[in-house]
């Protein structure tokens, strides 16, 4: 059977992976955001530091821009919807989806430590600018969002350090398993 014929079969392994991998990634981003978080007593809306960016970064690097965008945007927007941060959900879908897309786009073709760092810096800029704009709209004040920037920097910084420590061994292990890039 040719690869082309196999690609259109509804129950092929590739088709199953294509459907289940993003779903698993969404769930893991959600869980890391919901379970491992600290609410901050600063900023107009409090603020939140969570580890949801760790699986987001890992999935974007390993599986690319599509999975990074879907897992990040939907996983964290789902957290917003289910955790009382509902006004943030549409902004999170766009901001974090863009973070995941850009991380995957930067690291998709070539895997290297400098590219991982570049991708994380780009994601950090997107997060700070995106959530600054979101908070400005939500609270109706363009000065208050400045107080959220340190929390966003800590959140991305912690996720970056954890990801940079584990990404290469994890990526190499993944290359030797059935979970190839979809």
Protein backbone atom coordinates (compact mmCIF):
# COMPACT_ATOMS: atom_id res chain seq x y z
CA UNK A 1 0.00 0.00 0.00
CA UNK A 2 1.43 3.38 -0.93
CA UNK A 3 2.03 6.21 1.54
CA UNK A 4 -0.57 8.28 -0.29
CA UNK A 5 -3.23 5.58 0.08
CA UNK A 6 -2.29 5.08 3.74
CA UNK A 7 -2.64 8.82 4.42
CA UNK A 8 -6.32 8.86 3.49
CA UNK A 9 -7.34 5.77 5.45
CA UNK A 10 -9.39 6.97 8.44
CA UNK A 11 -7.87 4.46 10.87
CA UNK A 12 -4.22 4.64 9.84
CA UNK A 13 -1.58 5.12 12.55
CA UNK A 14 -0.60 8.48 11.04
CA UNK A 15 -4.19 9.68 11.17
CA UNK A 16 -4.59 8.54 14.79
CA UNK A 17 -1.37 10.33 15.79
CA UNK A 18 -2.43 13.45 13.88
CA UNK A 19 -5.65 13.60 15.91
CA UNK A 20 -4.52 12.43 19.33
CA UNK A 21 -1.15 14.14 19.69
CA UNK A 22 -2.54 17.71 19.70
CA UNK A 23 -5.29 16.63 22.11
CA UNK A 24 -2.74 15.14 24.53
CA UNK A 25 -0.61 18.26 24.23
CA UNK A 26 -3.61 20.50 24.98
CA UNK A 27 -4.39 18.46 28.09
CA UNK A 28 -0.81 18.58 29.36
CA UNK A 29 -0.55 22.35 28.86
CA UNK A 30 -3.86 22.75 30.70
CA UNK A 31 -2.79 20.49 33.59
CA UNK A 32 0.59 22.20 34.03
CA UNK A 33 -1.17 25.57 34.00
CA UNK A 34 -3.95 24.55 36.39
CA UNK A 35 -2.04 22.40 38.87
CA UNK A 36 1.37 24.02 39.12
CA UNK A 37 0.61 27.70 39.65
CA UNK A 38 1.03 30.54 42.11
CA UNK A 39 -1.39 33.45 42.24
CA UNK A 40 0.37 36.77 42.69
CA UNK A 41 -1.00 39.51 44.94
CA UNK A 42 0.24 42.19 42.53
CA UNK A 43 -1.13 43.87 39.42
CA UNK A 44 -4.70 44.94 38.75
CA UNK A 45 -5.97 41.38 38.29
CA UNK A 46 -3.56 39.66 40.65
CA UNK A 47 -1.54 37.69 38.16
CA UNK A 48 -0.50 34.09 37.93
CA UNK A 49 2.77 32.26 37.54
CA UNK A 50 2.35 28.74 36.21
CA UNK A 51 4.36 26.00 34.52
CA UNK A 52 2.08 25.62 31.48
CA UNK A 53 4.76 27.21 29.32
CA UNK A 54 7.09 24.24 29.91
CA UNK A 55 5.02 21.71 27.94
CA UNK A 56 4.12 24.46 25.45
CA UNK A 57 7.82 25.11 24.75
CA UNK A 58 8.62 21.40 24.58
CA UNK A 59 5.76 20.59 22.18
CA UNK A 60 6.53 23.56 19.92
CA UNK A 61 10.20 22.56 19.72
CA UNK A 62 9.63 18.85 19.21
CA UNK A 63 6.45 18.82 17.11
CA UNK A 64 6.53 22.22 15.41
CA UNK A 65 4.45 25.32 14.94
CA UNK A 66 1.04 23.72 14.40
CA UNK A 67 1.13 21.59 17.56
CA UNK A 68 2.74 24.43 19.53
CA UNK A 69 0.00 26.86 18.53
CA UNK A 70 -2.85 24.45 19.16
CA UNK A 71 -1.52 23.08 22.46
CA UNK A 72 -0.59 26.47 23.87
CA UNK A 73 -3.53 28.52 22.69
CA UNK A 74 -6.27 26.02 23.45
CA UNK A 75 -4.68 24.51 26.58
CA UNK A 76 -4.20 27.84 28.33
CA UNK A 77 -7.46 29.37 27.06
CA UNK A 78 -9.23 26.31 28.45
CA UNK A 79 -7.59 27.02 31.80
CA UNK A 80 -8.87 30.60 31.66
CA UNK A 81 -12.41 29.42 30.90
CA UNK A 82 -12.46 26.83 33.68
CA UNK A 83 -10.64 28.80 36.38
CA UNK A 84 -12.41 32.12 36.66
CA UNK A 85 -10.16 34.02 34.23
CA UNK A 86 -12.86 33.95 31.52
CA UNK A 87 -12.29 37.50 30.15
CA UNK A 88 -8.71 36.50 29.40
CA UNK A 89 -9.57 33.38 27.36
CA UNK A 90 -9.84 34.99 23.88
CA UNK A 91 -6.62 36.93 24.45
CA UNK A 92 -4.86 33.82 25.75
CA UNK A 93 -5.98 31.82 22.73
CA UNK A 94 -4.35 34.37 20.42
CA UNK A 95 -1.29 35.36 22.48
CA UNK A 96 -0.25 31.88 23.60
CA UNK A 97 -1.22 30.37 20.27
CA UNK A 98 1.11 32.87 18.60
CA UNK A 99 3.84 32.06 21.13
CA UNK A 100 3.58 28.35 20.30
CA UNK A 101 3.45 29.00 16.56
CA UNK A 102 6.53 31.24 16.56
CA UNK A 103 8.51 28.90 18.83
CA UNK A 104 7.73 25.98 16.53
CA UNK A 105 8.44 28.01 13.41
CA UNK A 106 11.86 29.12 14.69
CA UNK A 107 12.91 25.63 15.81
CA UNK A 108 11.14 23.46 13.24
CA UNK A 109 13.88 23.17 10.63
CA UNK A 110 16.96 23.12 12.85
CA UNK A 111 17.31 22.06 16.46
CA UNK A 112 19.97 23.94 18.40
CA UNK A 113 20.42 25.54 21.80
CA UNK A 114 20.82 29.08 20.35
CA UNK A 115 17.58 28.67 18.37
CA UNK A 116 15.77 27.45 21.48
CA UNK A 117 16.89 30.57 23.32
CA UNK A 118 15.90 32.82 20.41
CA UNK A 119 12.47 31.15 20.25
CA UNK A 120 11.97 31.67 24.00
CA UNK A 121 12.97 35.33 23.77
CA UNK A 122 10.48 35.82 20.93
CA UNK A 123 7.79 34.02 22.98
CA UNK A 124 8.57 36.26 25.95
CA UNK A 125 8.19 39.41 23.86
CA UNK A 126 4.88 38.14 22.44
CA UNK A 127 3.65 37.30 25.95
CA UNK A 128 4.59 40.68 27.43
CA UNK A 129 3.19 42.74 24.55
CA UNK A 130 0.12 40.54 24.09
CA UNK A 131 -0.87 40.45 27.74
CA UNK A 132 -0.09 44.14 28.18
CA UNK A 133 -2.62 44.89 25.43
CA UNK A 134 -5.10 42.34 26.82
CA UNK A 135 -4.91 43.73 30.34
CA UNK A 136 -5.23 47.27 28.99
CA UNK A 137 -8.51 46.33 27.34
CA UNK A 138 -9.78 44.24 30.26
CA UNK A 139 -9.10 46.80 33.01
CA UNK A 140 -9.53 49.88 30.83
CA UNK A 141 -6.21 51.31 31.93
CA UNK A 142 -2.92 51.39 30.01
CA UNK A 143 -0.67 51.99 33.03
CA UNK A 144 -1.85 49.14 35.30
CA UNK A 145 -0.57 46.38 32.94
CA UNK A 146 3.02 47.48 33.60
CA UNK A 147 2.74 45.79 37.02
CA UNK A 148 2.16 42.43 35.29
CA UNK A 149 5.42 42.50 33.33
CA UNK A 150 7.66 41.16 36.15
CA UNK A 151 5.35 38.17 36.69
CA UNK A 152 5.36 37.41 32.96
CA UNK A 153 9.17 37.63 32.90
CA UNK A 154 9.45 35.24 35.86
CA UNK A 155 6.95 32.85 34.30
CA UNK A 156 8.80 32.69 30.97
CA UNK A 157 12.21 32.67 32.66
CA UNK A 158 11.38 29.69 34.88
CA UNK A 159 9.83 27.81 31.95
CA UNK A 160 12.85 28.60 29.77
CA UNK A 161 15.33 27.26 32.33
CA UNK A 162 13.37 24.06 32.90
CA UNK A 163 12.86 23.53 29.17
CA UNK A 164 16.50 24.20 28.28
CA UNK A 165 17.65 21.64 30.85
CA UNK A 166 15.42 18.84 29.57
CA UNK A 167 14.73 19.55 25.90
CA UNK A 168 17.75 17.97 24.21
CA UNK A 169 17.64 14.62 26.07
CA UNK A 170 13.87 14.55 25.62
CA UNK A 171 14.06 15.42 21.91
CA UNK A 172 16.66 12.70 21.31
CA UNK A 173 14.58 10.13 23.19
CA UNK A 174 11.50 11.13 21.19
CA UNK A 175 13.33 10.59 17.92
CA UNK A 176 13.79 6.96 18.91
CA UNK A 177 10.13 6.31 19.71
CA UNK A 178 6.92 5.90 17.77
CA UNK A 179 5.98 9.55 18.45
CA UNK A 180 7.53 11.02 15.34
CA UNK A 181 6.63 14.55 14.27
CA UNK A 182 3.10 14.76 12.84
